[in-house]
Amino acid sequence: MNTHISPLARVGQYALLAVYVVFLAFPLLWLVSASFKSSRELMSLDISLLPKEFHPDNYVIAWNQQGLVGSAWNSLIVAVCSMVLVIALSLPAAYAFARFRGWLRTAGTGWILVSQVFPVILIIIPLFLILRDAGLVNTLPGLILVYTTYTMPFALWMLQGFAAGIPIELEEAAAVDGASRLRTLTKVIFPLLLPGIAATAMFAFVSAWNEFFFALVLMQTPENYTLPIALKMFIGGEGKVALGPLAAGAVLATIPSIVFFSIMQRKLVSGMLAGSVKG
């Protein structure tokens, strides 16, 4: 098959890619710019991307007010723990969904689809009552349990798709070579599932890191606030918003997600390469 691409077509591809990247990055660029602007400039109708005067003190205010450090630590604990639980619980179930047939698989698939239909507002009251009776309201373990339960159906669906894409002939070939079931899973299937595990882990981490509504209802004391709730506190009781510190706090809140994505992206690429070699 002829894969030659003309120079003009290649320039067009790069131009479209550049436009797409700028489109995706523009909100983050605007947020960074706003974090260095004064409140008067942010409220002005004279809109510009670059700040007329730099105000790095927004970061000092954001760092010192509303307990961002403690809230970030709470968010990190909740996000990492829920991510680990989601992967640990979803991985064997996803493999079973991909390889086995029967009424249990049909019922499980139906549960996944139904669980994604109901809006969060419908389940928050019974969820609050259950957690209250269990003594888990306003606790990080309670929030981890909620995030794990809420994220697991979609994570299971994601991993099931990756597991179903692995040819069963690989397992049959390993069995012919004398490999046990456990050895086949750990040496053949698991390395090929690494891209799916990395993608699902990123989804679970970001979902828990950014989640606002459950934390707003379940967390009742400032020492247990997660980062989204702490950022909300920059909105005063009378509706007055500290835009500069809020933007600076949002930038600081974005950094852990970017670091996590950078780490997991390497795992994603290495897993894809391993899968291509084994395939």
Protein backbone atom coordinates (compact mmCIF):
# COMPACT_ATOMS: atom_id res chain seq x y z
CA MET A 1 0.00 0.00 0.00
CA ASN A 2 1.36 3.40 -0.97
CA THR A 3 1.78 5.50 2.19
CA HIS A 4 3.56 8.46 0.57
CA ILE A 5 2.22 11.79 1.83
CA SER A 6 2.88 14.94 -0.16
CA PRO A 7 4.67 17.85 1.59
CA LEU A 8 1.54 20.00 1.26
CA ALA A 9 -0.63 17.34 2.93
CA ARG A 10 1.95 16.94 5.71
CA VAL A 11 1.96 20.71 6.32
CA GLY A 12 -1.85 20.61 6.48
CA GLN A 13 -1.73 17.79 9.03
CA TYR A 14 0.67 19.68 11.26
CA ALA A 15 -1.41 22.86 10.95
CA LEU A 16 -4.59 21.03 11.98
CA LEU A 17 -2.74 19.38 14.84
CA ALA A 18 -1.41 22.74 16.02
CA VAL A 19 -4.91 24.27 15.93
CA TYR A 20 -6.27 21.32 17.89
CA VAL A 21 -3.53 21.55 20.52
CA VAL A 22 -4.08 25.31 20.93
CA PHE A 23 -7.83 24.72 21.24
CA LEU A 24 -7.29 22.15 24.01
CA ALA A 25 -4.63 24.14 25.82
CA PHE A 26 -6.36 27.53 25.67
CA PRO A 27 -8.43 27.13 28.90
CA LEU A 28 -5.28 26.18 30.83
CA LEU A 29 -3.34 29.10 29.31
CA TRP A 30 -6.17 31.46 30.24
CA LEU A 31 -6.24 30.07 33.79
CA VAL A 32 -2.48 30.57 34.21
CA SER A 33 -2.78 34.11 32.84
CA ALA A 34 -5.67 34.91 35.19
CA SER A 35 -3.69 33.64 38.16
CA PHE A 36 -1.18 36.50 37.64
CA LYS A 37 -3.75 39.27 37.14
CA SER A 38 -5.03 41.70 39.74
CA SER A 39 -8.67 41.58 40.80
CA ARG A 40 -9.27 44.95 39.08
CA GLU A 41 -7.89 43.66 35.79
CA LEU A 42 -9.90 40.45 36.04
CA MET A 43 -13.10 42.46 36.51
CA SER A 44 -12.24 44.83 33.68
CA LEU A 45 -14.02 44.63 30.32
CA ASP A 46 -10.67 45.18 28.57
CA ILE A 47 -9.86 41.51 28.07
CA SER A 48 -6.32 40.42 27.23
CA LEU A 49 -4.50 37.13 27.42
CA LEU A 50 -1.31 38.47 28.94
CA PRO A 51 -1.50 40.27 32.32
CA LYS A 52 -0.79 44.01 32.21
CA GLU A 53 0.81 43.72 35.66
CA PHE A 54 2.01 40.49 37.22
CA HIS A 55 0.62 39.67 40.66
CA PRO A 56 2.38 36.52 41.92
CA ASP A 57 0.98 37.29 45.38
CA ASN A 58 -2.20 35.50 44.24
CA TYR A 59 -0.26 32.26 44.72
CA VAL A 60 0.85 33.33 48.20
CA ILE A 61 -2.73 34.12 49.16
CA ALA A 62 -4.00 30.85 47.67
CA TRP A 63 -1.30 28.87 49.46
CA ASN A 64 -1.87 30.47 52.85
CA GLN A 65 -5.68 30.66 52.84
CA GLN A 66 -8.37 27.96 52.97
CA GLY A 67 -5.91 25.19 53.95
CA LEU A 68 -5.00 24.19 50.40
CA VAL A 69 -2.07 22.01 51.51
CA GLY A 70 -4.17 19.90 53.88
CA SER A 71 -6.99 19.69 51.34
CA ALA A 72 -4.56 18.63 48.61
CA TRP A 73 -3.22 15.90 50.90
CA ASN A 74 -6.79 14.68 51.54
CA SER A 75 -7.50 14.68 47.80
CA LEU A 76 -4.30 12.75 47.12
CA ILE A 77 -5.16 10.09 49.71
CA VAL A 78 -8.69 9.71 48.43
CA ALA A 79 -7.67 9.67 44.74
CA VAL A 80 -4.81 7.16 45.14
CA CYS A 81 -6.74 4.80 47.44
CA SER A 82 -9.86 4.80 45.28
CA MET A 83 -7.73 4.28 42.15
CA VAL A 84 -5.96 1.26 43.67
CA LEU A 85 -9.25 -0.24 44.85
CA VAL A 86 -10.93 0.34 41.49
CA ILE A 87 -8.11 -1.40 39.61
CA ALA A 88 -7.84 -4.27 42.12
CA LEU A 89 -11.58 -4.97 42.02
CA SER A 90 -12.19 -4.31 38.34
CA LEU A 91 -9.28 -6.22 36.81
CA PRO A 92 -10.35 -9.82 37.65
CA ALA A 93 -13.99 -8.99 36.97
CA ALA A 94 -13.11 -7.45 33.58
CA TYR A 95 -11.14 -10.56 32.58
CA ALA A 96 -14.06 -12.78 33.59
CA PHE A 97 -16.47 -10.60 31.61
CA ALA A 98 -14.24 -10.83 28.55
CA ARG A 99 -13.67 -14.58 28.62
CA PHE A 100 -16.75 -16.21 30.09
CA ARG A 101 -20.34 -16.31 28.92
CA GLY A 102 -23.58 -16.92 30.82
CA TRP A 103 -26.40 -15.27 32.74
CA LEU A 104 -24.01 -13.82 35.31
CA ARG A 105 -22.15 -11.90 32.63
CA THR A 106 -25.43 -10.68 31.16
CA ALA A 107 -26.63 -9.53 34.59
CA GLY A 108 -23.32 -7.81 35.27
CA THR A 109 -23.42 -5.98 31.95
CA GLY A 110 -26.95 -4.85 32.71
CA TRP A 111 -25.83 -3.59 36.13
CA ILE A 112 -23.05 -1.56 34.55
CA LEU A 113 -25.37 0.08 32.05
CA VAL A 114 -28.11 0.80 34.60
CA SER A 115 -25.64 2.26 37.09
CA GLN A 116 -24.60 4.87 34.54
CA VAL A 117 -28.18 6.01 33.88
CA PHE A 118 -29.14 7.43 37.27
CA PRO A 119 -28.02 11.01 38.02
CA VAL A 120 -25.99 11.54 41.19
CA ILE A 121 -28.64 13.74 42.77
CA LEU A 122 -31.01 10.76 43.01
CA ILE A 123 -28.66 8.61 45.07
CA ILE A 124 -27.09 11.21 47.35
CA ILE A 125 -29.79 11.09 50.09
CA PRO A 126 -29.89 7.28 50.53
CA LEU A 127 -26.11 7.22 50.22
CA PHE A 128 -25.78 9.82 52.96
CA LEU A 129 -28.12 7.86 55.24
CA ILE A 130 -26.23 4.60 54.68
CA LEU A 131 -22.86 6.22 55.38
CA ARG A 132 -24.26 8.02 58.43
CA ASP A 133 -25.51 4.74 59.92
CA ALA A 134 -22.10 3.19 59.20
CA GLY A 135 -20.31 6.10 60.85
CA LEU A 136 -18.52 7.02 57.63
CA VAL A 137 -19.91 10.52 56.99
CA ASN A 138 -17.19 13.19 57.11
CA THR A 139 -14.42 10.59 56.88
CA LEU A 140 -11.88 9.91 54.14
CA PRO A 141 -12.57 6.12 54.15
CA GLY A 142 -16.25 6.89 53.50
CA LEU A 143 -15.37 9.13 50.57
CA ILE A 144 -12.95 6.50 49.21
CA LEU A 145 -15.72 3.91 49.39
CA VAL A 146 -18.11 6.20 47.52
CA TYR A 147 -15.61 7.04 44.78
CA THR A 148 -14.65 3.38 44.34
CA THR A 149 -18.27 2.30 44.05
CA TYR A 150 -19.19 5.13 41.70
CA THR A 151 -16.16 4.76 39.41
CA MET A 152 -15.89 0.98 39.26
CA PRO A 153 -18.70 0.26 36.74
CA PHE A 154 -17.20 2.44 34.02
CA ALA A 155 -13.66 1.27 34.88
CA LEU A 156 -14.85 -2.32 34.61
CA TRP A 157 -16.35 -1.55 31.23
CA MET A 158 -13.08 0.02 30.04
CA LEU A 159 -10.92 -2.90 31.19
CA GLN A 160 -13.36 -5.43 29.77
CA GLY A 161 -12.86 -3.87 26.33
CA PHE A 162 -9.08 -4.12 26.61
CA ALA A 163 -9.25 -7.74 27.87
CA ALA A 164 -11.61 -8.74 25.07
CA GLY A 165 -9.11 -7.37 22.53
CA ILE A 166 -6.44 -9.90 23.56
CA PRO A 167 -6.65 -12.97 21.28
CA ILE A 168 -7.58 -16.10 23.17
CA GLU A 169 -5.16 -17.97 20.88
CA LEU A 170 -2.32 -16.57 23.00
CA GLU A 171 -3.70 -18.31 26.08
CA GLU A 172 -4.22 -21.53 24.11
CA ALA A 173 -0.64 -21.39 22.83
CA ALA A 174 0.65 -20.86 26.38
CA ALA A 175 -1.42 -23.83 27.58
CA VAL A 176 0.02 -26.01 24.80
CA ASP A 177 3.51 -24.98 25.95
CA GLY A 178 2.66 -26.22 29.46
CA ALA A 179 2.09 -22.89 31.21
CA SER A 180 -0.29 -22.96 34.16
CA ARG A 181 -3.34 -20.72 34.31
CA LEU A 182 -1.69 -18.40 36.82
CA ARG A 183 1.53 -18.19 34.77
CA THR A 184 -0.46 -17.43 31.63
CA LEU A 185 -2.29 -14.61 33.39
CA THR A 186 0.83 -13.06 34.93
CA LYS A 187 3.27 -13.54 32.04
CA VAL A 188 1.03 -13.21 28.98
CA ILE A 189 -2.24 -11.48 29.76
CA PHE A 190 -1.17 -8.95 32.39
CA PRO A 191 1.61 -7.32 30.29
CA LEU A 192 -0.79 -6.96 27.38
CA LEU A 193 -3.34 -5.34 29.69
CA LEU A 194 -0.93 -2.68 30.97
CA PRO A 195 -2.15 0.04 28.54
CA GLY A 196 -5.73 -0.61 29.64
CA ILE A 197 -4.75 -0.62 33.31
CA ALA A 198 -2.85 2.65 32.88
CA ALA A 199 -5.76 4.30 31.06
CA THR A 200 -8.26 3.08 33.66
CA ALA A 201 -6.02 4.19 36.51
CA MET A 202 -5.79 7.68 35.01
CA PHE A 203 -9.58 7.80 34.68
CA ALA A 204 -10.12 6.68 38.29
CA PHE A 205 -7.52 9.08 39.68
CA VAL A 206 -8.79 12.14 37.82
CA SER A 207 -12.43 11.29 38.61
CA ALA A 208 -11.67 11.22 42.34
CA TRP A 209 -9.30 14.20 42.22
CA ASN A 210 -11.82 16.48 40.51
CA GLU A 211 -15.03 15.22 42.14
CA PHE A 212 -17.00 17.95 43.89
CA PHE A 213 -20.60 17.01 44.64
CA PHE A 214 -20.09 13.94 46.86
CA ALA A 215 -17.35 15.70 48.80
CA LEU A 216 -19.52 18.81 49.25
CA VAL A 217 -22.31 16.75 50.84
CA LEU A 218 -20.28 14.22 52.81
CA MET A 219 -17.37 16.31 54.10
CA GLN A 220 -18.53 18.65 56.87
CA THR A 221 -15.40 19.95 58.62
CA PRO A 222 -12.55 21.96 57.06
CA GLU A 223 -9.86 19.49 58.11
CA ASN A 224 -11.52 16.82 55.94
CA TYR A 225 -12.19 19.04 52.91
CA THR A 226 -10.82 17.89 49.59
CA LEU A 227 -9.24 20.31 47.14
CA PRO A 228 -12.38 21.18 45.10
CA ILE A 229 -14.20 22.09 48.33
CA ALA A 230 -11.26 24.20 49.51
CA LEU A 231 -11.27 26.07 46.18
CA LYS A 232 -14.97 26.73 46.58
CA MET A 233 -14.21 28.61 49.79
CA PHE A 234 -12.68 31.41 47.70
CA ILE A 235 -16.28 32.27 46.86
CA GLY A 236 -17.46 34.36 49.78
CA GLY A 237 -20.76 33.99 51.55
CA GLU A 238 -22.07 37.11 49.80
CA GLY A 239 -21.10 35.83 46.36
CA LYS A 240 -17.88 37.87 46.21
CA VAL A 241 -15.27 35.81 44.39
CA ALA A 242 -11.53 36.19 44.95
CA LEU A 243 -10.79 35.54 41.28
CA GLY A 244 -7.01 35.90 41.38
CA PRO A 245 -6.39 33.53 44.34
CA LEU A 246 -9.05 31.18 42.98
CA ALA A 247 -7.26 30.98 39.62
CA ALA A 248 -3.91 30.52 41.38
CA GLY A 249 -5.37 27.76 43.55
CA ALA A 250 -6.84 26.07 40.48
CA VAL A 251 -3.41 26.13 38.79
CA LEU A 252 -1.82 24.57 41.88
CA ALA A 253 -4.58 21.95 41.93
CA THR A 254 -3.86 21.05 38.31
CA ILE A 255 -0.16 20.30 38.87
CA PRO A 256 -0.59 16.87 40.59
CA SER A 257 -2.87 15.69 37.77
CA ILE A 258 -0.30 16.74 35.16
CA VAL A 259 2.50 14.96 37.07
CA PHE A 260 0.38 11.83 37.41
CA PHE A 261 -0.50 11.89 33.69
CA SER A 262 3.19 12.26 32.80
CA ILE A 263 4.10 9.21 34.89
CA MET A 264 1.24 7.05 33.65
CA GLN A 265 1.77 8.07 30.03
CA ARG A 266 5.18 6.38 30.13
CA LYS A 267 3.53 3.21 31.45
CA LEU A 268 0.91 3.49 28.74
CA VAL A 269 3.47 3.76 25.95
CA SER A 270 5.73 1.02 27.37
CA GLY A 271 2.71 -1.25 27.74
CA MET A 272 1.67 -0.64 24.15
CA LEU A 273 5.16 -1.45 22.93
CA ALA A 274 5.24 -4.64 25.00
CA GLY A 275 1.87 -5.60 23.62
CA SER A 276 2.94 -4.99 20.03
CA VAL A 277 6.02 -7.21 20.48
CA LYS A 278 4.05 -10.02 22.08
CA GLY A 279 1.23 -9.69 19.54
